[in-house]
Amino acid sequence: MIKYHTSKNSLIIAELIEKETIINEVKDILDLIADAGQNDSNRVIVYEHNLNKDFFDLKTRLAGDILQKISNYRFKLAIVGDFEKYKSKSLQDFIRECNRGRMIAFVSDLESALKKL
């Protein structure tokens, strides 16, 4: 289930609120993008628990493939969770680089996600 928020600038932000939904592959993020797009949104919030654990293992390439689709469709994505628990230096570097950009953000709470998007 998706909840929609309207920002101060009248932008529509889609938030995946269903805990049972897991993004396991690129097709899943494409479905989410399509649903959001049908509601005039190009901004999406997902939670760490909505992402397959392989997303956080960069060797699987799942994160790169999913984030590439976000970028290709010119969406913005905020991922909400506790990312300090991941000890991989390459993952921490990846998160830091994403947070420097404007398309993808790893944040600790919904309020930060809404501000970032």
PDB file of N, CA and C in Angstrom:
ATOM      1  N   MET A   1       0.843  -1.174   0.000  1.00  0.00           N
ATOM      2  CA  MET A   1       0.000   0.000   0.000  1.00  0.00           C
ATOM      3  C   MET A   1       0.892   1.243   0.000  1.00  0.00           C
ATOM      4  N   ILE A   2       0.469   2.228  -0.751  1.00  0.00           N
ATOM      5  CA  ILE A   2       1.217   3.467  -0.874  1.00  0.00           C
ATOM      6  C   ILE A   2       0.418   4.606  -0.251  1.00  0.00           C
ATOM      7  N   LYS A   3       1.112   5.412   0.531  1.00  0.00           N
ATOM      8  CA  LYS A   3       0.522   6.612   1.109  1.00  0.00           C
ATOM      9  C   LYS A   3       1.142   7.802   0.378  1.00  0.00           C
ATOM     10  N   TYR A   4       0.319   8.788   0.068  1.00  0.00           N
ATOM     11  CA  TYR A   4       0.814   9.955  -0.657  1.00  0.00           C
ATOM     12  C   TYR A   4       0.860  11.166   0.256  1.00  0.00           C
ATOM     13  N   HIS A   5       1.946  11.911   0.153  1.00  0.00           N
ATOM     14  CA  HIS A   5       2.147  13.143   0.900  1.00  0.00           C
ATOM     15  C   HIS A   5       2.255  14.268  -0.115  1.00  0.00           C
ATOM     16  N   THR A   6       1.843  15.464   0.264  1.00  0.00           N
ATOM     17  CA  THR A   6       2.030  16.638  -0.572  1.00  0.00           C
ATOM     18  C   THR A   6       2.997  17.570   0.146  1.00  0.00           C
ATOM     19  N   SER A   7       4.061  17.944  -0.547  1.00  0.00           N
ATOM     20  CA  SER A   7       5.077  18.809   0.053  1.00  0.00           C
ATOM     21  C   SER A   7       4.615  20.262   0.035  1.00  0.00           C
ATOM     22  N   LYS A   8       5.414  21.107   0.662  1.00  0.00           N
ATOM     23  CA  LYS A   8       5.119  22.543   0.678  1.00  0.00           C
ATOM     24  C   LYS A   8       5.070  23.118  -0.735  1.00  0.00           C
ATOM     25  N   ASN A   9       5.815  22.519  -1.641  1.00  0.00           N
ATOM     26  CA  ASN A   9       5.861  22.975  -3.033  1.00  0.00           C
ATOM     27  C   ASN A   9       4.823  22.275  -3.900  1.00  0.00           C
ATOM     28  N   SER A  10       3.856  21.607  -3.268  1.00  0.00           N
ATOM     29  CA  SER A  10       2.792  20.861  -3.957  1.00  0.00           C
ATOM     30  C   SER A  10       3.303  19.659  -4.744  1.00  0.00           C
ATOM     31  N   LEU A  11       4.474  19.142  -4.371  1.00  0.00           N
ATOM     32  CA  LEU A  11       4.978  17.916  -4.984  1.00  0.00           C
ATOM     33  C   LEU A  11       4.345  16.725  -4.280  1.00  0.00           C
ATOM     34  N   ILE A  12       4.045  15.708  -5.039  1.00  0.00           N
ATOM     35  CA  ILE A  12       3.438  14.504  -4.471  1.00  0.00           C
ATOM     36  C   ILE A  12       4.539  13.480  -4.223  1.00  0.00           C
ATOM     37  N   ILE A  13       4.586  12.972  -2.999  1.00  0.00           N
ATOM     38  CA  ILE A  13       5.604  12.013  -2.590  1.00  0.00           C
ATOM     39  C   ILE A  13       4.905  10.718  -2.199  1.00  0.00           C
ATOM     40  N   ALA A  14       5.323   9.622  -2.837  1.00  0.00           N
ATOM     41  CA  ALA A  14       4.748   8.304  -2.558  1.00  0.00           C
ATOM     42  C   ALA A  14       5.580   7.614  -1.477  1.00  0.00           C
ATOM     43  N   GLU A  15       4.901   7.077  -0.476  1.00  0.00           N
ATOM     44  CA  GLU A  15       5.574   6.354   0.607  1.00  0.00           C
ATOM     45  C   GLU A  15       5.047   4.927   0.644  1.00  0.00           C
ATOM     46  N   LEU A  16       5.936   3.962   0.492  1.00  0.00           N
ATOM     47  CA  LEU A  16       5.564   2.558   0.610  1.00  0.00           C
ATOM     48  C   LEU A  16       5.423   2.240   2.092  1.00  0.00           C
ATOM     49  N   ILE A  17       4.182   2.020   2.535  1.00  0.00           N
ATOM     50  CA  ILE A  17       3.948   1.832   3.974  1.00  0.00           C
ATOM     51  C   ILE A  17       3.653   0.384   4.338  1.00  0.00           C
ATOM     52  N   GLU A  18       3.528  -0.467   3.365  1.00  0.00           N
ATOM     53  CA  GLU A  18       3.214  -1.876   3.618  1.00  0.00           C
ATOM     54  C   GLU A  18       4.487  -2.627   4.000  1.00  0.00           C
ATOM     55  N   LYS A  19       4.560  -3.091   5.224  1.00  0.00           N
ATOM     56  CA  LYS A  19       5.765  -3.759   5.714  1.00  0.00           C
ATOM     57  C   LYS A  19       6.032  -5.085   5.009  1.00  0.00           C
ATOM     58  N   GLU A  20       4.998  -5.737   4.528  1.00  0.00           N
ATOM     59  CA  GLU A  20       5.154  -7.056   3.916  1.00  0.00           C
ATOM     60  C   GLU A  20       5.731  -6.983   2.508  1.00  0.00           C
ATOM     61  N   THR A  21       5.673  -5.823   1.875  1.00  0.00           N
ATOM     62  CA  THR A  21       6.170  -5.682   0.511  1.00  0.00           C
ATOM     63  C   THR A  21       7.689  -5.612   0.529  1.00  0.00           C
ATOM     64  N   ILE A  22       8.317  -6.512  -0.221  1.00  0.00           N
ATOM     65  CA  ILE A  22       9.768  -6.559  -0.318  1.00  0.00           C
ATOM     66  C   ILE A  22      10.160  -6.325  -1.774  1.00  0.00           C
ATOM     67  N   ILE A  23      11.101  -5.426  -1.965  1.00  0.00           N
ATOM     68  CA  ILE A  23      11.636  -5.178  -3.303  1.00  0.00           C
ATOM     69  C   ILE A  23      12.783  -6.163  -3.485  1.00  0.00           C
ATOM     70  N   ASN A  24      12.490  -7.220  -4.246  1.00  0.00           N
ATOM     71  CA  ASN A  24      13.453  -8.298  -4.448  1.00  0.00           C
ATOM     72  C   ASN A  24      14.238  -8.176  -5.736  1.00  0.00           C
ATOM     73  N   GLU A  25      13.663  -7.445  -6.700  1.00  0.00           N
ATOM     74  CA  GLU A  25      14.299  -7.354  -8.014  1.00  0.00           C
ATOM     75  C   GLU A  25      13.898  -6.047  -8.692  1.00  0.00           C
ATOM     76  N   VAL A  26      14.503  -5.762  -9.807  1.00  0.00           N
ATOM     77  CA  VAL A  26      14.266  -4.513 -10.528  1.00  0.00           C
ATOM     78  C   VAL A  26      12.791  -4.362 -10.889  1.00  0.00           C
ATOM     79  N   LYS A  27      12.136  -5.445 -11.255  1.00  0.00           N
ATOM     80  CA  LYS A  27      10.724  -5.393 -11.627  1.00  0.00           C
ATOM     81  C   LYS A  27       9.878  -4.788 -10.503  1.00  0.00           C
ATOM     82  N   ASP A  28      10.225  -5.090  -9.280  1.00  0.00           N
ATOM     83  CA  ASP A  28       9.463  -4.584  -8.130  1.00  0.00           C
ATOM     84  C   ASP A  28       9.566  -3.065  -8.013  1.00  0.00           C
ATOM     85  N   ILE A  29      10.752  -2.518  -8.251  1.00  0.00           N
ATOM     86  CA  ILE A  29      10.886  -1.058  -8.174  1.00  0.00           C
ATOM     87  C   ILE A  29      10.186  -0.415  -9.364  1.00  0.00           C
ATOM     88  N   LEU A  30      10.205  -1.088 -10.511  1.00  0.00           N
ATOM     89  CA  LEU A  30       9.490  -0.558 -11.680  1.00  0.00           C
ATOM     90  C   LEU A  30       7.990  -0.504 -11.418  1.00  0.00           C
ATOM     91  N   ASP A  31       7.456  -1.506 -10.737  1.00  0.00           N
ATOM     92  CA  ASP A  31       6.033  -1.491 -10.373  1.00  0.00           C
ATOM     93  C   ASP A  31       5.726  -0.319  -9.441  1.00  0.00           C
ATOM     94  N   LEU A  32       6.607  -0.071  -8.491  1.00  0.00           N
ATOM     95  CA  LEU A  32       6.417   1.035  -7.557  1.00  0.00           C
ATOM     96  C   LEU A  32       6.490   2.378  -8.288  1.00  0.00           C
ATOM     97  N   ILE A  33       7.440   2.507  -9.192  1.00  0.00           N
ATOM     98  CA  ILE A  33       7.567   3.719 -10.002  1.00  0.00           C
ATOM     99  C   ILE A  33       6.294   3.949 -10.821  1.00  0.00           C
ATOM    100  N   ALA A  34       5.778   2.881 -11.410  1.00  0.00           N
ATOM    101  CA  ALA A  34       4.560   2.996 -12.223  1.00  0.00           C
ATOM    102  C   ALA A  34       3.371   3.448 -11.380  1.00  0.00           C
ATOM    103  N   ASP A  35       3.220   2.857 -10.207  1.00  0.00           N
ATOM    104  CA  ASP A  35       2.119   3.253  -9.320  1.00  0.00           C
ATOM    105  C   ASP A  35       2.241   4.716  -8.918  1.00  0.00           C
ATOM    106  N   ALA A  36       3.438   5.123  -8.550  1.00  0.00           N
ATOM    107  CA  ALA A  36       3.653   6.516  -8.146  1.00  0.00           C
ATOM    108  C   ALA A  36       3.409   7.459  -9.322  1.00  0.00           C
ATOM    109  N   GLY A  37       3.911   7.094 -10.480  1.00  0.00           N
ATOM    110  CA  GLY A  37       3.744   7.926 -11.660  1.00  0.00           C
ATOM    111  C   GLY A  37       2.291   8.122 -12.049  1.00  0.00           C
ATOM    112  N   GLN A  38       1.475   7.108 -11.850  1.00  0.00           N
ATOM    113  CA  GLN A  38       0.043   7.224 -12.147  1.00  0.00           C
ATOM    114  C   GLN A  38      -0.641   8.225 -11.220  1.00  0.00           C
ATOM    115  N   ASN A  39       0.001   8.542 -10.131  1.00  0.00           N
ATOM    116  CA  ASN A  39      -0.532   9.521  -9.182  1.00  0.00           C
ATOM    117  C   ASN A  39       0.286  10.815  -9.206  1.00  0.00           C
ATOM    118  N   ASP A  40       0.910  11.073 -10.343  1.00  0.00           N
ATOM    119  CA  ASP A  40       1.666  12.317 -10.574  1.00  0.00           C
ATOM    120  C   ASP A  40       2.821  12.524  -9.606  1.00  0.00           C
ATOM    121  N   SER A  41       3.448  11.442  -9.209  1.00  0.00           N
ATOM    122  CA  SER A  41       4.582  11.530  -8.295  1.00  0.00           C
ATOM    123  C   SER A  41       5.840  11.001  -8.971  1.00  0.00           C
ATOM    124  N   ASN A  42       6.948  11.675  -8.742  1.00  0.00           N
ATOM    125  CA  ASN A  42       8.240  11.145  -9.167  1.00  0.00           C
ATOM    126  C   ASN A  42       9.205  11.093  -7.979  1.00  0.00           C
ATOM    127  N   ARG A  43       8.614  10.974  -6.798  1.00  0.00           N
ATOM    128  CA  ARG A  43       9.376  10.871  -5.556  1.00  0.00           C
ATOM    129  C   ARG A  43       8.823   9.718  -4.729  1.00  0.00           C
ATOM    130  N   VAL A  44       9.742   8.876  -4.242  1.00  0.00           N
ATOM    131  CA  VAL A  44       9.320   7.667  -3.541  1.00  0.00           C
ATOM    132  C   VAL A  44      10.130   7.500  -2.256  1.00  0.00           C
ATOM    133  N   ILE A  45       9.424   7.068  -1.214  1.00  0.00           N
ATOM    134  CA  ILE A  45      10.058   6.718   0.053  1.00  0.00           C
ATOM    135  C   ILE A  45       9.830   5.229   0.286  1.00  0.00           C
ATOM    136  N   VAL A  46      10.918   4.510   0.554  1.00  0.00           N
ATOM    137  CA  VAL A  46      10.817   3.109   0.964  1.00  0.00           C
ATOM    138  C   VAL A  46      11.617   2.955   2.252  1.00  0.00           C
ATOM    139  N   TYR A  47      11.362   1.891   2.942  1.00  0.00           N
ATOM    140  CA  TYR A  47      12.035   1.617   4.208  1.00  0.00           C
ATOM    141  C   TYR A  47      13.032   0.481   4.026  1.00  0.00           C
ATOM    142  N   GLU A  48      14.022   0.495   4.860  1.00  0.00           N
ATOM    143  CA  GLU A  48      15.059  -0.546   4.824  1.00  0.00           C
ATOM    144  C   GLU A  48      14.434  -1.940   4.810  1.00  0.00           C
ATOM    145  N   HIS A  49      13.385  -2.145   5.597  1.00  0.00           N
ATOM    146  CA  HIS A  49      12.760  -3.466   5.669  1.00  0.00           C
ATOM    147  C   HIS A  49      12.018  -3.844   4.384  1.00  0.00           C
ATOM    148  N   ASN A  50      11.806  -2.881   3.491  1.00  0.00           N
ATOM    149  CA  ASN A  50      11.162  -3.163   2.206  1.00  0.00           C
ATOM    150  C   ASN A  50      12.167  -3.641   1.160  1.00  0.00           C
ATOM    151  N   LEU A  51      13.435  -3.594   1.478  1.00  0.00           N
ATOM    152  CA  LEU A  51      14.469  -3.981   0.523  1.00  0.00           C
ATOM    153  C   LEU A  51      15.039  -5.346   0.881  1.00  0.00           C
ATOM    154  N   ASN A  52      15.151  -6.189  -0.125  1.00  0.00           N
ATOM    155  CA  ASN A  52      15.780  -7.485   0.054  1.00  0.00           C
ATOM    156  C   ASN A  52      17.164  -7.275   0.667  1.00  0.00           C
ATOM    157  N   LYS A  53      17.582  -8.151   1.569  1.00  0.00           N
ATOM    158  CA  LYS A  53      18.873  -7.996   2.240  1.00  0.00           C
ATOM    159  C   LYS A  53      20.032  -7.946   1.247  1.00  0.00           C
ATOM    160  N   ASP A  54      19.850  -8.528   0.055  1.00  0.00           N
ATOM    161  CA  ASP A  54      20.898  -8.482  -0.967  1.00  0.00           C
ATOM    162  C   ASP A  54      21.167  -7.059  -1.449  1.00  0.00           C
ATOM    163  N   PHE A  55      20.208  -6.169  -1.265  1.00  0.00           N
ATOM    164  CA  PHE A  55      20.392  -4.770  -1.649  1.00  0.00           C
ATOM    165  C   PHE A  55      21.617  -4.189  -0.940  1.00  0.00           C
ATOM    166  N   PHE A  56      21.845  -4.604   0.290  1.00  0.00           N
ATOM    167  CA  PHE A  56      22.915  -4.048   1.116  1.00  0.00           C
ATOM    168  C   PHE A  56      24.236  -4.804   0.975  1.00  0.00           C
ATOM    169  N   ASP A  57      24.269  -5.770   0.063  1.00  0.00           N
ATOM    170  CA  ASP A  57      25.497  -6.466  -0.303  1.00  0.00           C
ATOM    171  C   ASP A  57      25.817  -6.036  -1.734  1.00  0.00           C
ATOM    172  N   LEU A  58      26.698  -5.079  -1.881  1.00  0.00           N
ATOM    173  CA  LEU A  58      26.939  -4.470  -3.190  1.00  0.00           C
ATOM    174  C   LEU A  58      27.419  -5.465  -4.241  1.00  0.00           C
ATOM    175  N   LYS A  59      27.992  -6.585  -3.799  1.00  0.00           N
ATOM    176  CA  LYS A  59      28.453  -7.596  -4.757  1.00  0.00           C
ATOM    177  C   LYS A  59      27.302  -8.199  -5.565  1.00  0.00           C
ATOM    178  N   THR A  60      26.105  -8.165  -5.028  1.00  0.00           N
ATOM    179  CA  THR A  60      24.958  -8.740  -5.744  1.00  0.00           C
ATOM    180  C   THR A  60      24.485  -7.837  -6.884  1.00  0.00           C
ATOM    181  N   ARG A  61      24.879  -6.570  -6.856  1.00  0.00           N
ATOM    182  CA  ARG A  61      24.520  -5.562  -7.864  1.00  0.00           C
ATOM    183  C   ARG A  61      23.047  -5.162  -7.809  1.00  0.00           C
ATOM    184  N   LEU A  62      22.295  -5.670  -6.849  1.00  0.00           N
ATOM    185  CA  LEU A  62      20.875  -5.322  -6.749  1.00  0.00           C
ATOM    186  C   LEU A  62      20.694  -3.829  -6.486  1.00  0.00           C
ATOM    187  N   ALA A  63      21.467  -3.270  -5.577  1.00  0.00           N
ATOM    188  CA  ALA A  63      21.348  -1.838  -5.272  1.00  0.00           C
ATOM    189  C   ALA A  63      21.624  -1.009  -6.516  1.00  0.00           C
ATOM    190  N   GLY A  64      22.699  -1.319  -7.201  1.00  0.00           N
ATOM    191  CA  GLY A  64      23.038  -0.570  -8.411  1.00  0.00           C
ATOM    192  C   GLY A  64      21.972  -0.669  -9.481  1.00  0.00           C
ATOM    193  N   ASP A  65      21.434  -1.861  -9.681  1.00  0.00           N
ATOM    194  CA  ASP A  65      20.399  -2.054 -10.697  1.00  0.00           C
ATOM    195  C   ASP A  65      19.120  -1.287 -10.351  1.00  0.00           C
ATOM    196  N   ILE A  66      18.728  -1.343  -9.082  1.00  0.00           N
ATOM    197  CA  ILE A  66      17.510  -0.643  -8.652  1.00  0.00           C
ATOM    198  C   ILE A  66      17.704   0.868  -8.738  1.00  0.00           C
ATOM    199  N   LEU A  67      18.815   1.355  -8.251  1.00  0.00           N
ATOM    200  CA  LEU A  67      19.049   2.789  -8.259  1.00  0.00           C
ATOM    201  C   LEU A  67      19.254   3.321  -9.674  1.00  0.00           C
ATOM    202  N   GLN A  68      19.755   2.479 -10.566  1.00  0.00           N
ATOM    203  CA  GLN A  68      19.879   2.885 -11.971  1.00  0.00           C
ATOM    204  C   GLN A  68      18.497   3.125 -12.576  1.00  0.00           C
ATOM    205  N   LYS A  69      17.533   2.274 -12.253  1.00  0.00           N
ATOM    206  CA  LYS A  69      16.158   2.466 -12.757  1.00  0.00           C
ATOM    207  C   LYS A  69      15.551   3.749 -12.190  1.00  0.00           C
ATOM    208  N   ILE A  70      15.792   4.011 -10.922  1.00  0.00           N
ATOM    209  CA  ILE A  70      15.305   5.257 -10.316  1.00  0.00           C
ATOM    210  C   ILE A  70      15.851   6.447 -11.107  1.00  0.00           C
ATOM    211  N   SER A  71      17.130   6.405 -11.393  1.00  0.00           N
ATOM    212  CA  SER A  71      17.778   7.487 -12.129  1.00  0.00           C
ATOM    213  C   SER A  71      17.266   7.574 -13.569  1.00  0.00           C
ATOM    214  N   ASN A  72      17.144   6.444 -14.242  1.00  0.00           N
ATOM    215  CA  ASN A  72      16.679   6.424 -15.635  1.00  0.00           C
ATOM    216  C   ASN A  72      15.304   7.057 -15.789  1.00  0.00           C
ATOM    217  N   TYR A  73      14.435   6.818 -14.824  1.00  0.00           N
ATOM    218  CA  TYR A  73      13.073   7.346 -14.887  1.00  0.00           C
ATOM    219  C   TYR A  73      12.955   8.717 -14.219  1.00  0.00           C
ATOM    220  N   ARG A  74      14.093   9.279 -13.835  1.00  0.00           N
ATOM    221  CA  ARG A  74      14.164  10.611 -13.236  1.00  0.00           C
ATOM    222  C   ARG A  74      13.294  10.744 -11.976  1.00  0.00           C
ATOM    223  N   PHE A  75      13.326   9.698 -11.177  1.00  0.00           N
ATOM    224  CA  PHE A  75      12.648   9.701  -9.889  1.00  0.00           C
ATOM    225  C   PHE A  75      13.652  10.087  -8.816  1.00  0.00           C
ATOM    226  N   LYS A  76      13.142  10.463  -7.681  1.00  0.00           N
ATOM    227  CA  LYS A  76      13.952  10.657  -6.494  1.00  0.00           C
ATOM    228  C   LYS A  76      13.516   9.605  -5.483  1.00  0.00           C
ATOM    229  N   LEU A  77      14.475   9.097  -4.733  1.00  0.00           N
ATOM    230  CA  LEU A  77      14.207   8.015  -3.787  1.00  0.00           C
ATOM    231  C   LEU A  77      14.858   8.326  -2.453  1.00  0.00           C
ATOM    232  N   ALA A  78      14.093   8.139  -1.395  1.00  0.00           N
ATOM    233  CA  ALA A  78      14.639   8.189  -0.037  1.00  0.00           C
ATOM    234  C   ALA A  78      14.422   6.823   0.592  1.00  0.00           C
ATOM    235  N   ILE A  79      15.478   6.293   1.175  1.00  0.00           N
ATOM    236  CA  ILE A  79      15.410   5.012   1.870  1.00  0.00           C
ATOM    237  C   ILE A  79      15.586   5.314   3.353  1.00  0.00           C
ATOM    238  N   VAL A  80      14.610   4.917   4.145  1.00  0.00           N
ATOM    239  CA  VAL A  80      14.600   5.213   5.577  1.00  0.00           C
ATOM    240  C   VAL A  80      15.052   3.979   6.346  1.00  0.00           C
ATOM    241  N   GLY A  81      16.023   4.174   7.224  1.00  0.00           N
ATOM    242  CA  GLY A  81      16.469   3.048   8.038  1.00  0.00           C
ATOM    243  C   GLY A  81      17.682   3.395   8.879  1.00  0.00           C
ATOM    244  N   ASP A  82      18.224   2.367   9.511  1.00  0.00           N
ATOM    245  CA  ASP A  82      19.433   2.498  10.321  1.00  0.00           C
ATOM    246  C   ASP A  82      20.564   1.837   9.540  1.00  0.00           C
ATOM    247  N   PHE A  83      21.394   2.639   8.907  1.00  0.00           N
ATOM    248  CA  PHE A  83      22.417   2.107   8.007  1.00  0.00           C
ATOM    249  C   PHE A  83      23.789   2.012   8.656  1.00  0.00           C
ATOM    250  N   GLU A  84      23.915   2.521   9.850  1.00  0.00           N
ATOM    251  CA  GLU A  84      25.194   2.447  10.553  1.00  0.00           C
ATOM    252  C   GLU A  84      25.521   1.020  10.980  1.00  0.00           C
ATOM    253  N   LYS A  85      24.511   0.166  11.039  1.00  0.00           N
ATOM    254  CA  LYS A  85      24.759  -1.214  11.469  1.00  0.00           C
ATOM    255  C   LYS A  85      25.492  -2.030  10.403  1.00  0.00           C
ATOM    256  N   TYR A  86      25.515  -1.537   9.165  1.00  0.00           N
ATOM    257  CA  TYR A  86      26.223  -2.238   8.097  1.00  0.00           C
ATOM    258  C   TYR A  86      27.698  -1.852   8.163  1.00  0.00           C
ATOM    259  N   LYS A  87      28.537  -2.819   8.345  1.00  0.00           N
ATOM    260  CA  LYS A  87      29.955  -2.560   8.591  1.00  0.00           C
ATOM    261  C   LYS A  87      30.794  -2.509   7.311  1.00  0.00           C
ATOM    262  N   SER A  88      30.215  -2.821   6.179  1.00  0.00           N
ATOM    263  CA  SER A  88      30.952  -2.806   4.913  1.00  0.00           C
ATOM    264  C   SER A  88      31.392  -1.382   4.574  1.00  0.00           C
ATOM    265  N   LYS A  89      32.695  -1.195   4.420  1.00  0.00           N
ATOM    266  CA  LYS A  89      33.219   0.121   4.064  1.00  0.00           C
ATOM    267  C   LYS A  89      32.698   0.551   2.697  1.00  0.00           C
ATOM    268  N   SER A  90      32.635  -0.370   1.754  1.00  0.00           N
ATOM    269  CA  SER A  90      32.161  -0.007   0.414  1.00  0.00           C
ATOM    270  C   SER A  90      30.690   0.415   0.453  1.00  0.00           C
ATOM    271  N   LEU A  91      29.881  -0.241   1.273  1.00  0.00           N
ATOM    272  CA  LEU A  91      28.477   0.153   1.393  1.00  0.00           C
ATOM    273  C   LEU A  91      28.372   1.526   2.058  1.00  0.00           C
ATOM    274  N   GLN A  92      29.135   1.769   3.097  1.00  0.00           N
ATOM    275  CA  GLN A  92      29.101   3.074   3.760  1.00  0.00           C
ATOM    276  C   GLN A  92      29.552   4.187   2.806  1.00  0.00           C
ATOM    277  N   ASP A  93      30.566   3.890   1.985  1.00  0.00           N
ATOM    278  CA  ASP A  93      31.012   4.862   0.975  1.00  0.00           C
ATOM    279  C   ASP A  93      29.906   5.108  -0.049  1.00  0.00           C
ATOM    280  N   PHE A  94      29.242   4.056  -0.459  1.00  0.00           N
ATOM    281  CA  PHE A  94      28.144   4.143  -1.421  1.00  0.00           C
ATOM    282  C   PHE A  94      27.008   5.019  -0.867  1.00  0.00           C
ATOM    283  N   ILE A  95      26.643   4.788   0.373  1.00  0.00           N
ATOM    284  CA  ILE A  95      25.584   5.569   1.026  1.00  0.00           C
ATOM    285  C   ILE A  95      25.994   7.036   1.113  1.00  0.00           C
ATOM    286  N   ARG A  96      27.226   7.275   1.488  1.00  0.00           N
ATOM    287  CA  ARG A  96      27.728   8.649   1.596  1.00  0.00           C
ATOM    288  C   ARG A  96      27.677   9.354   0.232  1.00  0.00           C
ATOM    289  N   GLU A  97      28.083   8.657  -0.819  1.00  0.00           N
ATOM    290  CA  GLU A  97      28.047   9.238  -2.167  1.00  0.00           C
ATOM    291  C   GLU A  97      26.609   9.524  -2.606  1.00  0.00           C
ATOM    292  N   CYS A  98      25.708   8.610  -2.342  1.00  0.00           N
ATOM    293  CA  CYS A  98      24.298   8.828  -2.689  1.00  0.00           C
ATOM    294  C   CYS A  98      23.764  10.067  -1.983  1.00  0.00           C
ATOM    295  N   ASN A  99      24.103  10.216  -0.725  1.00  0.00           N
ATOM    296  CA  ASN A  99      23.609  11.347   0.069  1.00  0.00           C
ATOM    297  C   ASN A  99      24.184  12.693  -0.382  1.00  0.00           C
ATOM    298  N   ARG A 100      25.273  12.660  -1.108  1.00  0.00           N
ATOM    299  CA  ARG A 100      25.838  13.904  -1.658  1.00  0.00           C
ATOM    300  C   ARG A 100      25.062  14.380  -2.877  1.00  0.00           C
ATOM    301  N   GLY A 101      24.381  13.451  -3.530  1.00  0.00           N
ATOM    302  CA  GLY A 101      23.637  13.788  -4.739  1.00  0.00           C
ATOM    303  C   GLY A 101      22.229  14.263  -4.432  1.00  0.00           C
ATOM    304  N   ARG A 102      21.443  14.386  -5.482  1.00  0.00           N
ATOM    305  CA  ARG A 102      20.078  14.892  -5.344  1.00  0.00           C
ATOM    306  C   ARG A 102      19.008  13.857  -5.656  1.00  0.00           C
ATOM    307  N   MET A 103      19.396  12.691  -6.125  1.00  0.00           N
ATOM    308  CA  MET A 103      18.409  11.711  -6.575  1.00  0.00           C
ATOM    309  C   MET A 103      18.062  10.664  -5.509  1.00  0.00           C
ATOM    310  N   ILE A 104      19.057  10.259  -4.740  1.00  0.00           N
ATOM    311  CA  ILE A 104      18.883   9.147  -3.807  1.00  0.00           C
ATOM    312  C   ILE A 104      19.436   9.553  -2.443  1.00  0.00           C
ATOM    313  N   ALA A 105      18.662   9.256  -1.400  1.00  0.00           N
ATOM    314  CA  ALA A 105      19.098   9.597  -0.051  1.00  0.00           C
ATOM    315  C   ALA A 105      18.824   8.435   0.895  1.00  0.00           C
ATOM    316  N   PHE A 106      19.763   8.188   1.755  1.00  0.00           N
ATOM    317  CA  PHE A 106      19.604   7.238   2.845  1.00  0.00           C
ATOM    318  C   PHE A 106      19.445   8.087   4.102  1.00  0.00           C
ATOM    319  N   VAL A 107      18.295   7.981   4.747  1.00  0.00           N
ATOM    320  CA  VAL A 107      17.979   8.839   5.890  1.00  0.00           C
ATOM    321  C   VAL A 107      17.489   7.987   7.059  1.00  0.00           C
ATOM    322  N   SER A 108      17.430   8.622   8.232  1.00  0.00           N
ATOM    323  CA  SER A 108      17.082   7.864   9.439  1.00  0.00           C
ATOM    324  C   SER A 108      15.606   7.894   9.799  1.00  0.00           C
ATOM    325  N   ASP A 109      14.833   8.836   9.222  1.00  0.00           N
ATOM    326  CA  ASP A 109      13.418   8.908   9.596  1.00  0.00           C
ATOM    327  C   ASP A 109      12.581   9.522   8.471  1.00  0.00           C
ATOM    328  N   LEU A 110      11.278   9.393   8.619  1.00  0.00           N
ATOM    329  CA  LEU A 110      10.338   9.875   7.595  1.00  0.00           C
ATOM    330  C   LEU A 110      10.458  11.377   7.399  1.00  0.00           C
ATOM    331  N   GLU A 111      10.583  12.119   8.480  1.00  0.00           N
ATOM    332  CA  GLU A 111      10.682  13.584   8.373  1.00  0.00           C
ATOM    333  C   GLU A 111      11.877  13.989   7.508  1.00  0.00           C
ATOM    334  N   SER A 112      13.014  13.336   7.715  1.00  0.00           N
ATOM    335  CA  SER A 112      14.200  13.625   6.912  1.00  0.00           C
ATOM    336  C   SER A 112      13.973  13.264   5.448  1.00  0.00           C
ATOM    337  N   ALA A 113      13.273  12.159   5.229  1.00  0.00           N
ATOM    338  CA  ALA A 113      12.979  11.734   3.850  1.00  0.00           C
ATOM    339  C   ALA A 113      12.112  12.780   3.141  1.00  0.00           C
ATOM    340  N   LEU A 114      11.090  13.236   3.822  1.00  0.00           N
ATOM    341  CA  LEU A 114      10.198  14.230   3.217  1.00  0.00           C
ATOM    342  C   LEU A 114      10.951  15.538   2.912  1.00  0.00           C
ATOM    343  N   LYS A 115      11.846  15.928   3.795  1.00  0.00           N
ATOM    344  CA  LYS A 115      12.635  17.145   3.565  1.00  0.00           C
ATOM    345  C   LYS A 115      13.584  16.962   2.382  1.00  0.00           C
ATOM    346  N   LYS A 116      14.192  15.791   2.306  1.00  0.00           N
ATOM    347  CA  LYS A 116      15.168  15.524   1.240  1.00  0.00           C
ATOM    348  C   LYS A 116      14.515  15.492  -0.144  1.00  0.00           C
ATOM    349  N   LEU A 117      13.289  15.009  -0.180  1.00  0.00           N
ATOM    350  CA  LEU A 117      12.604  14.895  -1.475  1.00  0.00           C
ATOM    351  C   LEU A 117      11.891  16.172  -1.843  1.00  0.00           C
TER     352      LEU A 117
END
